[in-house]
Amino acid sequence: MILRARADTWVRVQADEDDGQVYLGRILHAGDEFRLPDRDDLLLMTGNAGGLEIMVDGKKVAGIGSLGMVRRRVLLDPMRLLAGTAVDEN
């Protein structure tokens, strides 16, 4: 999976386990890409959901929100991303 910034976007990617290991925590600038670790327990937080594209096996998944929208809990599970059910704001 790849995160690609279409606009400047603050992102944080961390494991959804006890250790909560952080894999990314910074601003991605337009054109930046980040290849996600091969884990299905990752969470994404972002301050600009519409500024991100997420690719799974080379396929762009449905957007996770509009420009400027804050998302606090997006499950970075390939199957949920492809199904459009990855946003979990509970």
PDB file of N, CA and C in Angstrom:
ATOM      1  N   MET A   1       0.844  -1.177   0.000  1.00  0.00           N
ATOM      2  CA  MET A   1       0.000   0.000   0.000  1.00  0.00           C
ATOM      3  C   MET A   1       0.888   1.238   0.000  1.00  0.00           C
ATOM      4  N   ILE A   2       0.393   2.256  -0.663  1.00  0.00           N
ATOM      5  CA  ILE A   2       1.129   3.508  -0.775  1.00  0.00           C
ATOM      6  C   ILE A   2       0.207   4.674  -0.441  1.00  0.00           C
ATOM      7  N   LEU A   3       0.711   5.604   0.363  1.00  0.00           N
ATOM      8  CA  LEU A   3       0.046   6.890   0.575  1.00  0.00           C
ATOM      9  C   LEU A   3       0.700   7.885  -0.370  1.00  0.00           C
ATOM     10  N   ARG A   4      -0.102   8.652  -1.084  1.00  0.00           N
ATOM     11  CA  ARG A   4       0.417   9.676  -1.991  1.00  0.00           C
ATOM     12  C   ARG A   4      -0.292  10.984  -1.680  1.00  0.00           C
ATOM     13  N   ALA A   5       0.491  12.033  -1.469  1.00  0.00           N
ATOM     14  CA  ALA A   5      -0.090  13.343  -1.164  1.00  0.00           C
ATOM     15  C   ALA A   5      -0.412  14.091  -2.449  1.00  0.00           C
ATOM     16  N   ARG A   6      -1.644  14.585  -2.540  1.00  0.00           N
ATOM     17  CA  ARG A   6      -2.049  15.461  -3.643  1.00  0.00           C
ATOM     18  C   ARG A   6      -1.938  16.917  -3.224  1.00  0.00           C
ATOM     19  N   ALA A   7      -1.898  17.137  -1.923  1.00  0.00           N
ATOM     20  CA  ALA A   7      -1.758  18.472  -1.331  1.00  0.00           C
ATOM     21  C   ALA A   7      -1.027  18.288  -0.005  1.00  0.00           C
ATOM     22  N   ASP A   8      -0.510  19.365   0.554  1.00  0.00           N
ATOM     23  CA  ASP A   8       0.166  19.261   1.845  1.00  0.00           C
ATOM     24  C   ASP A   8      -0.803  18.679   2.871  1.00  0.00           C
ATOM     25  N   THR A   9      -0.340  17.643   3.555  1.00  0.00           N
ATOM     26  CA  THR A   9      -1.218  16.868   4.425  1.00  0.00           C
ATOM     27  C   THR A   9      -0.441  16.336   5.621  1.00  0.00           C
ATOM     28  N   TRP A  10      -0.894  16.666   6.838  1.00  0.00           N
ATOM     29  CA  TRP A  10      -0.294  16.056   8.019  1.00  0.00           C
ATOM     30  C   TRP A  10      -0.857  14.651   8.156  1.00  0.00           C
ATOM     31  N   VAL A  11       0.046  13.672   8.367  1.00  0.00           N
ATOM     32  CA  VAL A  11      -0.388  12.289   8.544  1.00  0.00           C
ATOM     33  C   VAL A  11       0.369  11.641   9.695  1.00  0.00           C
ATOM     34  N   ARG A  12      -0.297  10.681  10.284  1.00  0.00           N
ATOM     35  CA  ARG A  12       0.323   9.823  11.300  1.00  0.00           C
ATOM     36  C   ARG A  12      -0.164   8.412  11.021  1.00  0.00           C
ATOM     37  N   VAL A  13       0.774   7.490  10.922  1.00  0.00           N
ATOM     38  CA  VAL A  13       0.459   6.071  10.725  1.00  0.00           C
ATOM     39  C   VAL A  13       1.082   5.325  11.893  1.00  0.00           C
ATOM     40  N   GLN A  14       0.245   4.562  12.588  1.00  0.00           N
ATOM     41  CA  GLN A  14       0.760   3.796  13.716  1.00  0.00           C
ATOM     42  C   GLN A  14       0.038   2.471  13.822  1.00  0.00           C
ATOM     43  N   ALA A  15       0.675   1.538  14.541  1.00  0.00           N
ATOM     44  CA  ALA A  15       0.079   0.230  14.773  1.00  0.00           C
ATOM     45  C   ALA A  15      -1.070   0.370  15.762  1.00  0.00           C
ATOM     46  N   ASP A  16      -2.104  -0.427  15.561  1.00  0.00           N
ATOM     47  CA  ASP A  16      -3.265  -0.430  16.457  1.00  0.00           C
ATOM     48  C   ASP A  16      -3.123  -1.579  17.449  1.00  0.00           C
ATOM     49  N   GLU A  17      -1.966  -1.660  18.071  1.00  0.00           N
ATOM     50  CA  GLU A  17      -1.708  -2.694  19.061  1.00  0.00           C
ATOM     51  C   GLU A  17      -1.163  -2.035  20.310  1.00  0.00           C
ATOM     52  N   ASP A  18      -0.839  -2.847  21.296  1.00  0.00           N
ATOM     53  CA  ASP A  18      -0.357  -2.326  22.572  1.00  0.00           C
ATOM     54  C   ASP A  18       0.853  -1.413  22.421  1.00  0.00           C
ATOM     55  N   ASP A  19       1.782  -1.776  21.531  1.00  0.00           N
ATOM     56  CA  ASP A  19       2.997  -0.964  21.401  1.00  0.00           C
ATOM     57  C   ASP A  19       2.737   0.353  20.680  1.00  0.00           C
ATOM     58  N   GLY A  20       1.742   0.392  19.796  1.00  0.00           N
ATOM     59  CA  GLY A  20       1.388   1.612  19.082  1.00  0.00           C
ATOM     60  C   GLY A  20       2.536   2.214  18.290  1.00  0.00           C
ATOM     61  N   GLN A  21       3.410   1.349  17.750  1.00  0.00           N
ATOM     62  CA  GLN A  21       4.579   1.827  17.018  1.00  0.00           C
ATOM     63  C   GLN A  21       4.182   2.818  15.926  1.00  0.00           C
ATOM     64  N   VAL A  22       4.872   3.956  15.885  1.00  0.00           N
ATOM     65  CA  VAL A  22       4.597   4.992  14.893  1.00  0.00           C
ATOM     66  C   VAL A  22       5.512   4.779  13.690  1.00  0.00           C
ATOM     67  N   TYR A  23       4.911   4.682  12.505  1.00  0.00           N
ATOM     68  CA  TYR A  23       5.665   4.487  11.270  1.00  0.00           C
ATOM     69  C   TYR A  23       5.841   5.784  10.494  1.00  0.00           C
ATOM     70  N   LEU A  24       4.944   6.719  10.682  1.00  0.00           N
ATOM     71  CA  LEU A  24       5.024   7.992   9.977  1.00  0.00           C
ATOM     72  C   LEU A  24       4.308   9.041  10.809  1.00  0.00           C
ATOM     73  N   GLY A  25       4.895  10.187  10.943  1.00  0.00           N
ATOM     74  CA  GLY A  25       4.276  11.284  11.673  1.00  0.00           C
ATOM     75  C   GLY A  25       4.857  12.600  11.196  1.00  0.00           C
ATOM     76  N   ARG A  26       4.340  13.115  10.094  1.00  0.00           N
ATOM     77  CA  ARG A  26       4.880  14.354   9.527  1.00  0.00           C
ATOM     78  C   ARG A  26       3.940  14.895   8.461  1.00  0.00           C
ATOM     79  N   ILE A  27       4.325  16.007   7.884  1.00  0.00           N
ATOM     80  CA  ILE A  27       3.577  16.565   6.760  1.00  0.00           C
ATOM     81  C   ILE A  27       4.106  15.958   5.470  1.00  0.00           C
ATOM     82  N   LEU A  28       3.207  15.400   4.682  1.00  0.00           N
ATOM     83  CA  LEU A  28       3.547  14.981   3.325  1.00  0.00           C
ATOM     84  C   LEU A  28       3.206  16.147   2.414  1.00  0.00           C
ATOM     85  N   HIS A  29       4.114  16.479   1.541  1.00  0.00           N
ATOM     86  CA  HIS A  29       3.888  17.564   0.591  1.00  0.00           C
ATOM     87  C   HIS A  29       3.389  16.987  -0.727  1.00  0.00           C
ATOM     88  N   ALA A  30       2.681  17.792  -1.499  1.00  0.00           N
ATOM     89  CA  ALA A  30       2.132  17.338  -2.780  1.00  0.00           C
ATOM     90  C   ALA A  30       3.212  16.602  -3.568  1.00  0.00           C
ATOM     91  N   GLY A  31       2.886  15.373  -3.991  1.00  0.00           N
ATOM     92  CA  GLY A  31       3.821  14.547  -4.750  1.00  0.00           C
ATOM     93  C   GLY A  31       4.589  13.549  -3.907  1.00  0.00           C
ATOM     94  N   ASP A  32       4.638  13.745  -2.581  1.00  0.00           N
ATOM     95  CA  ASP A  32       5.333  12.796  -1.706  1.00  0.00           C
ATOM     96  C   ASP A  32       4.579  11.475  -1.657  1.00  0.00           C
ATOM     97  N   GLU A  33       5.334  10.393  -1.515  1.00  0.00           N
ATOM     98  CA  GLU A  33       4.748   9.062  -1.352  1.00  0.00           C
ATOM     99  C   GLU A  33       5.379   8.386  -0.145  1.00  0.00           C
ATOM    100  N   PHE A  34       4.603   7.504   0.474  1.00  0.00           N
ATOM    101  CA  PHE A  34       5.098   6.705   1.583  1.00  0.00           C
ATOM    102  C   PHE A  34       4.573   5.293   1.409  1.00  0.00           C
ATOM    103  N   ARG A  35       5.493   4.329   1.323  1.00  0.00           N
ATOM    104  CA  ARG A  35       5.098   2.919   1.220  1.00  0.00           C
ATOM    105  C   ARG A  35       4.848   2.388   2.626  1.00  0.00           C
ATOM    106  N   LEU A  36       3.646   1.885   2.837  1.00  0.00           N
ATOM    107  CA  LEU A  36       3.256   1.395   4.157  1.00  0.00           C
ATOM    108  C   LEU A  36       3.863   0.030   4.434  1.00  0.00           C
ATOM    109  N   PRO A  37       4.214  -0.238   5.691  1.00  0.00           N
ATOM    110  CA  PRO A  37       4.697  -1.566   6.057  1.00  0.00           C
ATOM    111  C   PRO A  37       3.609  -2.608   5.782  1.00  0.00           C
ATOM    112  N   ASP A  38       4.026  -3.826   5.583  1.00  0.00           N
ATOM    113  CA  ASP A  38       3.095  -4.913   5.277  1.00  0.00           C
ATOM    114  C   ASP A  38       2.451  -5.422   6.570  1.00  0.00           C
ATOM    115  N   ARG A  39       1.515  -4.637   7.076  1.00  0.00           N
ATOM    116  CA  ARG A  39       0.765  -4.982   8.286  1.00  0.00           C
ATOM    117  C   ARG A  39      -0.690  -4.635   8.040  1.00  0.00           C
ATOM    118  N   ASP A  40      -1.601  -5.370   8.661  1.00  0.00           N
ATOM    119  CA  ASP A  40      -3.028  -5.072   8.490  1.00  0.00           C
ATOM    120  C   ASP A  40      -3.640  -4.456   9.749  1.00  0.00           C
ATOM    121  N   ASP A  41      -2.782  -4.009  10.669  1.00  0.00           N
ATOM    122  CA  ASP A  41      -3.287  -3.419  11.915  1.00  0.00           C
ATOM    123  C   ASP A  41      -2.893  -1.950  12.038  1.00  0.00           C
ATOM    124  N   LEU A  42      -2.683  -1.282  10.908  1.00  0.00           N
ATOM    125  CA  LEU A  42      -2.244   0.109  10.937  1.00  0.00           C
ATOM    126  C   LEU A  42      -3.425   1.069  10.938  1.00  0.00           C
ATOM    127  N   LEU A  43      -3.245   2.183  11.637  1.00  0.00           N
ATOM    128  CA  LEU A  43      -4.238   3.256  11.676  1.00  0.00           C
ATOM    129  C   LEU A  43      -3.641   4.506  11.058  1.00  0.00           C
ATOM    130  N   LEU A  44      -4.478   5.254  10.354  1.00  0.00           N
ATOM    131  CA  LEU A  44      -4.084   6.527   9.767  1.00  0.00           C
ATOM    132  C   LEU A  44      -4.873   7.640  10.428  1.00  0.00           C
ATOM    133  N   MET A  45      -4.178   8.710  10.773  1.00  0.00           N
ATOM    134  CA  MET A  45      -4.803   9.958  11.196  1.00  0.00           C
ATOM    135  C   MET A  45      -4.304  11.021  10.236  1.00  0.00           C
ATOM    136  N   THR A  46      -5.174  11.941   9.843  1.00  0.00           N
ATOM    137  CA  THR A  46      -4.759  12.983   8.921  1.00  0.00           C
ATOM    138  C   THR A  46      -5.546  14.266   9.149  1.00  0.00           C
ATOM    139  N   GLY A  47      -4.908  15.367   8.852  1.00  0.00           N
ATOM    140  CA  GLY A  47      -5.553  16.665   8.962  1.00  0.00           C
ATOM    141  C   GLY A  47      -6.109  17.166   7.647  1.00  0.00           C
ATOM    142  N   ASN A  48      -5.970  16.372   6.582  1.00  0.00           N
ATOM    143  CA  ASN A  48      -6.455  16.771   5.263  1.00  0.00           C
ATOM    144  C   ASN A  48      -6.765  15.523   4.447  1.00  0.00           C
ATOM    145  N   ALA A  49      -7.872  14.868   4.759  1.00  0.00           N
ATOM    146  CA  ALA A  49      -8.214  13.594   4.122  1.00  0.00           C
ATOM    147  C   ALA A  49      -8.278  13.691   2.603  1.00  0.00           C
ATOM    148  N   GLY A  50      -8.777  14.790   2.086  1.00  0.00           N
ATOM    149  CA  GLY A  50      -8.883  14.947   0.644  1.00  0.00           C
ATOM    150  C   GLY A  50      -7.555  15.182  -0.043  1.00  0.00           C
ATOM    151  N   GLY A  51      -6.520  15.440   0.723  1.00  0.00           N
ATOM    152  CA  GLY A  51      -5.191  15.646   0.161  1.00  0.00           C
ATOM    153  C   GLY A  51      -4.405  14.370  -0.015  1.00  0.00           C
ATOM    154  N   LEU A  52      -5.020  13.228   0.315  1.00  0.00           N
ATOM    155  CA  LEU A  52      -4.334  11.938   0.221  1.00  0.00           C
ATOM    156  C   LEU A  52      -4.982  11.028  -0.803  1.00  0.00           C
ATOM    157  N   GLU A  53      -4.144  10.258  -1.476  1.00  0.00           N
ATOM    158  CA  GLU A  53      -4.596   9.120  -2.273  1.00  0.00           C
ATOM    159  C   GLU A  53      -3.990   7.890  -1.623  1.00  0.00           C
ATOM    160  N   ILE A  54      -4.757   6.807  -1.600  1.00  0.00           N
ATOM    161  CA  ILE A  54      -4.250   5.547  -1.062  1.00  0.00           C
ATOM    162  C   ILE A  54      -4.324   4.519  -2.176  1.00  0.00           C
ATOM    163  N   MET A  55      -3.203   3.838  -2.393  1.00  0.00           N
ATOM    164  CA  MET A  55      -3.118   2.817  -3.430  1.00  0.00           C
ATOM    165  C   MET A  55      -2.966   1.450  -2.769  1.00  0.00           C
ATOM    166  N   VAL A  56      -3.751   0.480  -3.235  1.00  0.00           N
ATOM    167  CA  VAL A  56      -3.643  -0.903  -2.783  1.00  0.00           C
ATOM    168  C   VAL A  56      -3.382  -1.750  -4.015  1.00  0.00           C
ATOM    169  N   ASP A  57      -2.251  -2.412  -4.047  1.00  0.00           N
ATOM    170  CA  ASP A  57      -1.867  -3.236  -5.200  1.00  0.00           C
ATOM    171  C   ASP A  57      -2.013  -2.474  -6.510  1.00  0.00           C
ATOM    172  N   GLY A  58      -1.598  -1.220  -6.512  1.00  0.00           N
ATOM    173  CA  GLY A  58      -1.633  -0.397  -7.718  1.00  0.00           C
ATOM    174  C   GLY A  58      -2.979   0.210  -8.051  1.00  0.00           C
ATOM    175  N   LYS A  59      -4.000  -0.068  -7.239  1.00  0.00           N
ATOM    176  CA  LYS A  59      -5.343   0.468  -7.479  1.00  0.00           C
ATOM    177  C   LYS A  59      -5.636   1.598  -6.496  1.00  0.00           C
ATOM    178  N   LYS A  60      -6.106   2.721  -7.025  1.00  0.00           N
ATOM    179  CA  LYS A  60      -6.490   3.846  -6.170  1.00  0.00           C
ATOM    180  C   LYS A  60      -7.824   3.514  -5.505  1.00  0.00           C
ATOM    181  N   VAL A  61      -7.865   3.643  -4.187  1.00  0.00           N
ATOM    182  CA  VAL A  61      -9.107   3.348  -3.466  1.00  0.00           C
ATOM    183  C   VAL A  61      -9.953   4.611  -3.361  1.00  0.00           C
ATOM    184  N   ALA A  62     -11.208   4.428  -2.999  1.00  0.00           N
ATOM    185  CA  ALA A  62     -12.119   5.566  -2.835  1.00  0.00           C
ATOM    186  C   ALA A  62     -11.553   6.522  -1.794  1.00  0.00           C
ATOM    187  N   GLY A  63     -11.799   7.807  -1.974  1.00  0.00           N
ATOM    188  CA  GLY A  63     -11.302   8.820  -1.051  1.00  0.00           C
ATOM    189  C   GLY A  63     -11.816   8.609   0.361  1.00  0.00           C
ATOM    190  N   ILE A  64     -11.045   9.093   1.327  1.00  0.00           N
ATOM    191  CA  ILE A  64     -11.431   8.936   2.736  1.00  0.00           C
ATOM    192  C   ILE A  64     -12.012  10.218   3.311  1.00  0.00           C
ATOM    193  N   GLY A  65     -12.197  11.230   2.469  1.00  0.00           N
ATOM    194  CA  GLY A  65     -12.780  12.486   2.926  1.00  0.00           C
ATOM    195  C   GLY A  65     -12.433  13.616   1.982  1.00  0.00           C
ATOM    196  N   SER A  66     -12.952  14.793   2.283  1.00  0.00           N
ATOM    197  CA  SER A  66     -12.748  15.957   1.420  1.00  0.00           C
ATOM    198  C   SER A  66     -11.539  16.772   1.881  1.00  0.00           C
ATOM    199  N   LEU A  67     -11.155  17.746   1.069  1.00  0.00           N
ATOM    200  CA  LEU A  67     -10.031  18.618   1.409  1.00  0.00           C
ATOM    201  C   LEU A  67     -10.278  19.301   2.750  1.00  0.00           C
ATOM    202  N   GLY A  68      -9.287  19.248   3.612  1.00  0.00           N
ATOM    203  CA  GLY A  68      -9.374  19.882   4.921  1.00  0.00           C
ATOM    204  C   GLY A  68     -10.076  19.064   5.986  1.00  0.00           C
ATOM    205  N   MET A  69     -10.651  17.931   5.618  1.00  0.00           N
ATOM    206  CA  MET A  69     -11.369  17.093   6.589  1.00  0.00           C
ATOM    207  C   MET A  69     -10.376  16.335   7.471  1.00  0.00           C
ATOM    208  N   VAL A  70     -10.617  16.367   8.761  1.00  0.00           N
ATOM    209  CA  VAL A  70      -9.789  15.637   9.719  1.00  0.00           C
ATOM    210  C   VAL A  70     -10.352  14.230   9.875  1.00  0.00           C
ATOM    211  N   ARG A  71      -9.470  13.254   9.783  1.00  0.00           N
ATOM    212  CA  ARG A  71      -9.835  11.856  10.053  1.00  0.00           C
ATOM    213  C   ARG A  71      -8.913  11.355  11.153  1.00  0.00           C
ATOM    214  N   ARG A  72      -9.501  10.798  12.193  1.00  0.00           N
ATOM    215  CA  ARG A  72      -8.718  10.345  13.342  1.00  0.00           C
ATOM    216  C   ARG A  72      -8.504   8.842  13.374  1.00  0.00           C
ATOM    217  N   ARG A  73      -9.265   8.106  12.578  1.00  0.00           N
ATOM    218  CA  ARG A  73      -9.152   6.645  12.642  1.00  0.00           C
ATOM    219  C   ARG A  73      -9.557   6.030  11.305  1.00  0.00           C
ATOM    220  N   VAL A  74      -8.565   5.842  10.455  1.00  0.00           N
ATOM    221  CA  VAL A  74      -8.772   5.143   9.186  1.00  0.00           C
ATOM    222  C   VAL A  74      -7.990   3.840   9.284  1.00  0.00           C
ATOM    223  N   LEU A  75      -8.690   2.731   9.133  1.00  0.00           N
ATOM    224  CA  LEU A  75      -8.064   1.415   9.240  1.00  0.00           C
ATOM    225  C   LEU A  75      -7.367   1.098   7.923  1.00  0.00           C
ATOM    226  N   LEU A  76      -6.058   0.942   7.973  1.00  0.00           N
ATOM    227  CA  LEU A  76      -5.294   0.695   6.753  1.00  0.00           C
ATOM    228  C   LEU A  76      -5.206  -0.798   6.465  1.00  0.00           C
ATOM    229  N   ASP A  77      -6.359  -1.393   6.361  1.00  0.00           N
ATOM    230  CA  ASP A  77      -6.499  -2.804   6.005  1.00  0.00           C
ATOM    231  C   ASP A  77      -6.854  -2.858   4.523  1.00  0.00           C
ATOM    232  N   PRO A  78      -6.077  -3.560   3.701  1.00  0.00           N
ATOM    233  CA  PRO A  78      -6.326  -3.550   2.254  1.00  0.00           C
ATOM    234  C   PRO A  78      -7.757  -3.898   1.864  1.00  0.00           C
ATOM    235  N   MET A  79      -8.331  -4.906   2.480  1.00  0.00           N
ATOM    236  CA  MET A  79      -9.688  -5.327   2.112  1.00  0.00           C
ATOM    237  C   MET A  79     -10.714  -4.243   2.458  1.00  0.00           C
ATOM    238  N   ARG A  80     -10.566  -3.634   3.618  1.00  0.00           N
ATOM    239  CA  ARG A  80     -11.509  -2.575   4.016  1.00  0.00           C
ATOM    240  C   ARG A  80     -11.342  -1.329   3.157  1.00  0.00           C
ATOM    241  N   LEU A  81     -10.102  -1.005   2.793  1.00  0.00           N
ATOM    242  CA  LEU A  81      -9.876   0.141   1.910  1.00  0.00           C
ATOM    243  C   LEU A  81     -10.545  -0.083   0.558  1.00  0.00           C
ATOM    244  N   LEU A  82     -10.361  -1.271   0.000  1.00  0.00           N
ATOM    245  CA  LEU A  82     -10.960  -1.576  -1.305  1.00  0.00           C
ATOM    246  C   LEU A  82     -12.482  -1.606  -1.235  1.00  0.00           C
ATOM    247  N   ALA A  83     -13.022  -2.019  -0.086  1.00  0.00           N
ATOM    248  CA  ALA A  83     -14.477  -2.090   0.079  1.00  0.00           C
ATOM    249  C   ALA A  83     -15.087  -0.739   0.452  1.00  0.00           C
ATOM    250  N   GLY A  84     -14.251   0.247   0.768  1.00  0.00           N
ATOM    251  CA  GLY A  84     -14.760   1.565   1.153  1.00  0.00           C
ATOM    252  C   GLY A  84     -15.257   1.636   2.583  1.00  0.00           C
ATOM    253  N   THR A  85     -14.796   0.713   3.438  1.00  0.00           N
ATOM    254  CA  THR A  85     -15.260   0.661   4.830  1.00  0.00           C
ATOM    255  C   THR A  85     -14.134   0.922   5.835  1.00  0.00           C
ATOM    256  N   ALA A  86     -13.083   1.604   5.418  1.00  0.00           N
ATOM    257  CA  ALA A  86     -11.908   1.780   6.274  1.00  0.00           C
ATOM    258  C   ALA A  86     -12.038   2.928   7.268  1.00  0.00           C
ATOM    259  N   VAL A  87     -12.926   3.889   7.005  1.00  0.00           N
ATOM    260  CA  VAL A  87     -13.068   5.026   7.920  1.00  0.00           C
ATOM    261  C   VAL A  87     -13.878   4.582   9.128  1.00  0.00           C
ATOM    262  N   ASP A  88     -13.259   4.685  10.308  1.00  0.00           N
ATOM    263  CA  ASP A  88     -13.891   4.260  11.558  1.00  0.00           C
ATOM    264  C   ASP A  88     -13.757   5.405  12.551  1.00  0.00           C
ATOM    265  N   GLU A  89     -14.762   6.239  12.638  1.00  0.00           N
ATOM    266  CA  GLU A  89     -14.689   7.411  13.511  1.00  0.00           C
ATOM    267  C   GLU A  89     -15.288   7.161  14.886  1.00  0.00           C
ATOM    268  N   ASN A  90     -15.514   5.910  15.254  1.00  0.00           N
ATOM    269  CA  ASN A  90     -16.068   5.591  16.579  1.00  0.00           C
ATOM    270  C   ASN A  90     -14.989   5.541  17.621  1.00  0.00           C
TER     271      ASN A  90
END
